[in-house]
Amino acid sequence: MAASAAKQLDGFIAKFTPDLAKRVHEVLAACRTRVPGAIELVYDNYNALAIGFGPTEKTGDIVFSIAVYPRWVSIFFNHGPELPDPDGLLIGSGSMVRHIVLDDGATTLAKRAVDRILSAALAMSDPEIDPTAKSRIVIKMISATQRPRRPAVNASLASPARRGSRTGTKTASRPSRRGTASSRASRR
């Protein structure tokens, strides 16, 4: 991996709180171990820092990405609706992408149900990620303006569970990601 790109990525991660930055480094290390040979495409966007893993430098070839927000880390899967999800972990209803909040960082990523989804996503990769290829980091975009990377001082320290995370406790004020029974029935 190019030293300058790796240093840049470390600088992007350092903008977050030390606890979250540590969790991000652990998640990235687990991803790099799980998917040797992947090219990491880095987008330091307005809303989040995103690191996509794929076989080429093409954005459309990204298999999954790690997105870092001020309070949590998520793994996003391109082609998410096509992935098997018997445990109902995938969040989202769009036509392309689903995600899982990594409440416990690399520990959540290592759970059998999450690994099955990741394995299915990797099996769908076309072209496949060559595990013998040299991994590298490519900085694709740095947004000139960005939301703060650290939570506001007086902000609630609520976990992603407050957003209805599937791996956390759902709040009573927000319906599940799949909607209520009546809203599901109306979509059929």
Protein backbone atom coordinates (compact mmCIF):
# COMPACT_ATOMS: atom_id res chain seq x y z
CA MET A 1 0.00 0.00 0.00
CA ALA A 2 1.29 3.44 -0.84
CA ALA A 3 2.64 5.07 2.30
CA SER A 4 1.21 8.47 1.46
CA ALA A 5 -2.30 7.11 0.85
CA ALA A 6 -2.13 5.06 4.06
CA LYS A 7 -0.97 8.14 5.98
CA GLN A 8 -3.79 10.17 4.45
CA LEU A 9 -6.32 7.54 5.49
CA ASP A 10 -4.87 7.52 9.02
CA GLY A 11 -5.27 11.31 9.05
CA PHE A 12 -8.92 11.03 8.00
CA ILE A 13 -9.55 8.47 10.77
CA ALA A 14 -7.76 10.66 13.34
CA LYS A 15 -10.49 13.30 12.91
CA PHE A 16 -12.85 11.02 14.85
CA THR A 17 -12.80 10.42 18.61
CA PRO A 18 -9.94 8.18 19.80
CA ASP A 19 -12.37 5.40 20.79
CA LEU A 20 -14.09 5.41 17.40
CA ALA A 21 -10.76 5.69 15.56
CA LYS A 22 -9.53 2.59 17.41
CA ARG A 23 -12.69 0.72 16.43
CA VAL A 24 -12.25 1.79 12.77
CA HIS A 25 -8.65 0.55 12.71
CA GLU A 26 -9.79 -2.79 14.16
CA VAL A 27 -12.57 -3.10 11.55
CA LEU A 28 -10.18 -2.23 8.71
CA ALA A 29 -7.63 -4.76 9.97
CA ALA A 30 -10.33 -7.45 10.05
CA CYS A 31 -11.45 -6.52 6.52
CA ARG A 32 -7.89 -6.59 5.20
CA THR A 33 -7.36 -10.02 6.73
CA ARG A 34 -10.68 -11.29 5.37
CA VAL A 35 -10.18 -9.88 1.85
CA PRO A 36 -6.48 -9.90 0.93
CA GLY A 37 -5.76 -8.38 -2.47
CA ALA A 38 -8.63 -5.89 -2.29
CA ILE A 39 -8.17 -2.36 -3.50
CA GLU A 40 -9.40 0.13 -0.91
CA LEU A 41 -11.13 3.15 -2.41
CA VAL A 42 -11.31 6.02 0.09
CA TYR A 43 -13.93 8.76 -0.02
CA ASP A 44 -13.66 11.43 2.67
CA ASN A 45 -17.20 12.65 1.97
CA TYR A 46 -19.36 15.37 3.46
CA ASN A 47 -21.39 13.01 5.67
CA ALA A 48 -18.94 10.20 6.39
CA LEU A 49 -15.59 8.62 5.68
CA ALA A 50 -16.13 5.63 3.38
CA ILE A 51 -13.61 2.92 2.50
CA GLY A 52 -14.77 0.62 -0.28
CA PHE A 53 -13.23 -2.80 -0.89
CA GLY A 54 -13.20 -4.17 -4.42
CA PRO A 55 -11.17 -5.88 -7.14
CA THR A 56 -10.46 -2.74 -9.21
CA GLU A 57 -10.31 1.04 -8.88
CA LYS A 58 -13.80 1.34 -10.37
CA THR A 59 -16.42 2.55 -7.92
CA GLY A 60 -18.99 0.23 -9.50
CA ASP A 61 -16.86 -2.80 -8.61
CA ILE A 62 -16.93 -2.11 -4.85
CA VAL A 63 -18.23 -5.21 -3.06
CA PHE A 64 -18.64 -3.66 0.38
CA SER A 65 -17.59 -0.53 2.18
CA ILE A 66 -16.96 0.64 5.70
CA ALA A 67 -18.61 3.97 6.51
CA VAL A 68 -17.52 5.96 9.53
CA TYR A 69 -19.88 8.46 11.15
CA PRO A 70 -19.22 10.54 14.29
CA ARG A 71 -20.79 7.93 16.61
CA TRP A 72 -20.66 4.58 14.78
CA VAL A 73 -19.25 2.44 11.99
CA SER A 74 -21.34 0.56 9.42
CA ILE A 75 -20.64 -1.96 6.69
CA PHE A 76 -22.51 -1.32 3.45
CA PHE A 77 -23.09 -3.98 0.80
CA ASN A 78 -23.60 -3.10 -2.84
CA HIS A 79 -26.24 -5.42 -4.31
CA GLY A 80 -27.62 -5.70 -0.77
CA PRO A 81 -31.16 -6.67 -1.81
CA GLU A 82 -29.74 -9.74 -3.57
CA LEU A 83 -27.90 -11.02 -0.50
CA PRO A 84 -29.30 -13.78 1.71
CA ASP A 85 -30.29 -12.39 5.10
CA PRO A 86 -32.11 -15.09 7.09
CA ASP A 87 -31.36 -13.30 10.38
CA GLY A 88 -32.77 -9.96 9.19
CA LEU A 89 -29.58 -7.99 9.87
CA LEU A 90 -29.48 -5.89 6.71
CA ILE A 91 -30.96 -2.42 7.07
CA GLY A 92 -32.36 -0.37 4.20
CA SER A 93 -34.99 -0.49 1.53
CA GLY A 94 -33.28 1.03 -1.52
CA SER A 95 -32.77 -0.81 -4.78
CA MET A 96 -28.98 -1.21 -4.44
CA VAL A 97 -27.47 -1.00 -0.96
CA ARG A 98 -28.06 -2.47 2.51
CA HIS A 99 -26.00 -1.98 5.67
CA ILE A 100 -25.30 -3.30 9.14
CA VAL A 101 -24.25 -1.06 12.02
CA LEU A 102 -21.12 -2.52 13.59
CA ASP A 103 -22.11 -1.75 17.18
CA ASP A 104 -19.12 -3.65 18.54
CA GLY A 105 -16.77 -2.97 15.64
CA ALA A 106 -14.76 -5.98 14.50
CA THR A 107 -16.60 -8.21 16.98
CA THR A 108 -19.89 -7.58 15.14
CA LEU A 109 -18.12 -8.08 11.82
CA ALA A 110 -16.88 -11.50 13.00
CA LYS A 111 -20.34 -12.79 13.90
CA ARG A 112 -21.33 -15.84 11.86
CA ALA A 113 -24.47 -14.21 10.40
CA VAL A 114 -22.54 -11.11 9.26
CA ASP A 115 -19.73 -13.26 7.83
CA ARG A 116 -22.29 -15.26 5.81
CA ILE A 117 -23.56 -12.04 4.25
CA LEU A 118 -20.00 -10.87 3.54
CA SER A 119 -19.14 -14.25 1.99
CA ALA A 120 -22.21 -14.06 -0.26
CA ALA A 121 -21.28 -10.51 -1.33
CA LEU A 122 -17.73 -11.61 -2.15
CA ALA A 123 -19.04 -14.59 -4.14
CA MET A 124 -21.10 -12.16 -6.27
CA SER A 125 -18.08 -9.97 -7.07
CA ASP A 126 -17.40 -9.77 -10.80
CA PRO A 127 -14.50 -9.62 -11.30
CA GLU A 128 -13.45 -11.48 -8.18
CA ILE A 129 -10.94 -10.01 -5.76
CA ASP A 130 -7.61 -11.74 -6.40
CA PRO A 131 -6.23 -12.77 -2.98
CA THR A 132 -2.71 -12.96 -4.45
CA ALA A 133 -2.81 -9.37 -5.76
CA LYS A 134 -1.08 -6.60 -3.86
CA SER A 135 -3.55 -4.60 -1.77
CA ARG A 136 -3.43 -0.84 -2.06
CA ILE A 137 -5.25 2.26 -0.92
CA VAL A 138 -6.52 4.78 -3.45
CA ILE A 139 -7.78 8.16 -2.28
CA LYS A 140 -10.69 8.79 -4.64
CA MET A 141 -12.26 11.91 -3.16
CA ILE A 142 -11.84 14.47 -0.39
CA SER A 143 -14.81 16.76 0.16
CA ALA A 144 -13.91 20.41 0.66
CA THR A 145 -16.71 20.77 3.20
CA GLN A 146 -17.54 18.14 5.78
CA ARG A 147 -19.81 17.63 8.72
CA PRO A 148 -17.96 17.51 12.04
CA ARG A 149 -16.30 14.13 12.56
CA ARG A 150 -16.81 14.24 16.33
CA PRO A 151 -20.13 14.44 18.14
CA ALA A 152 -21.10 17.82 19.55
CA VAL A 153 -20.04 18.23 23.18
CA ASN A 154 -23.63 18.35 24.46
CA ALA A 155 -24.93 15.71 22.04
CA SER A 156 -26.52 12.56 23.36
CA LEU A 157 -24.11 9.66 23.62
CA ALA A 158 -26.79 7.29 22.41
CA SER A 159 -25.53 4.31 20.47
CA PRO A 160 -26.71 3.50 16.94
CA ALA A 161 -29.46 1.51 18.64
CA ARG A 162 -31.34 4.80 18.93
CA ARG A 163 -31.56 4.69 15.15
CA GLY A 164 -33.15 1.23 15.18
CA SER A 165 -29.99 -0.80 14.73
CA ARG A 166 -30.72 -4.47 14.20
CA THR A 167 -27.87 -5.46 16.48
CA GLY A 168 -28.92 -3.10 19.26
CA THR A 169 -32.13 -2.44 21.12
CA LYS A 170 -34.81 -0.70 19.12
CA THR A 171 -36.46 2.34 20.56
CA ALA A 172 -40.21 2.50 20.96
CA SER A 173 -40.43 5.80 19.09
CA ARG A 174 -39.15 4.41 15.79
CA PRO A 175 -40.61 1.49 13.82
CA SER A 176 -38.37 -1.24 12.52
CA ARG A 177 -36.58 -0.74 9.20
CA ARG A 178 -39.07 -3.03 7.50
CA GLY A 179 -41.97 -0.84 8.61
CA THR A 180 -45.11 -1.78 10.43
CA ALA A 181 -47.24 -4.80 9.50
CA SER A 182 -49.84 -2.51 7.90
CA SER A 183 -47.23 -0.65 5.81
CA ARG A 184 -45.74 -3.97 4.61
CA ALA A 185 -49.20 -5.20 3.64
CA SER A 186 -49.87 -2.04 1.64
CA ARG A 187 -46.67 -2.54 -0.36
CA ARG A 188 -47.64 -6.02 -1.52
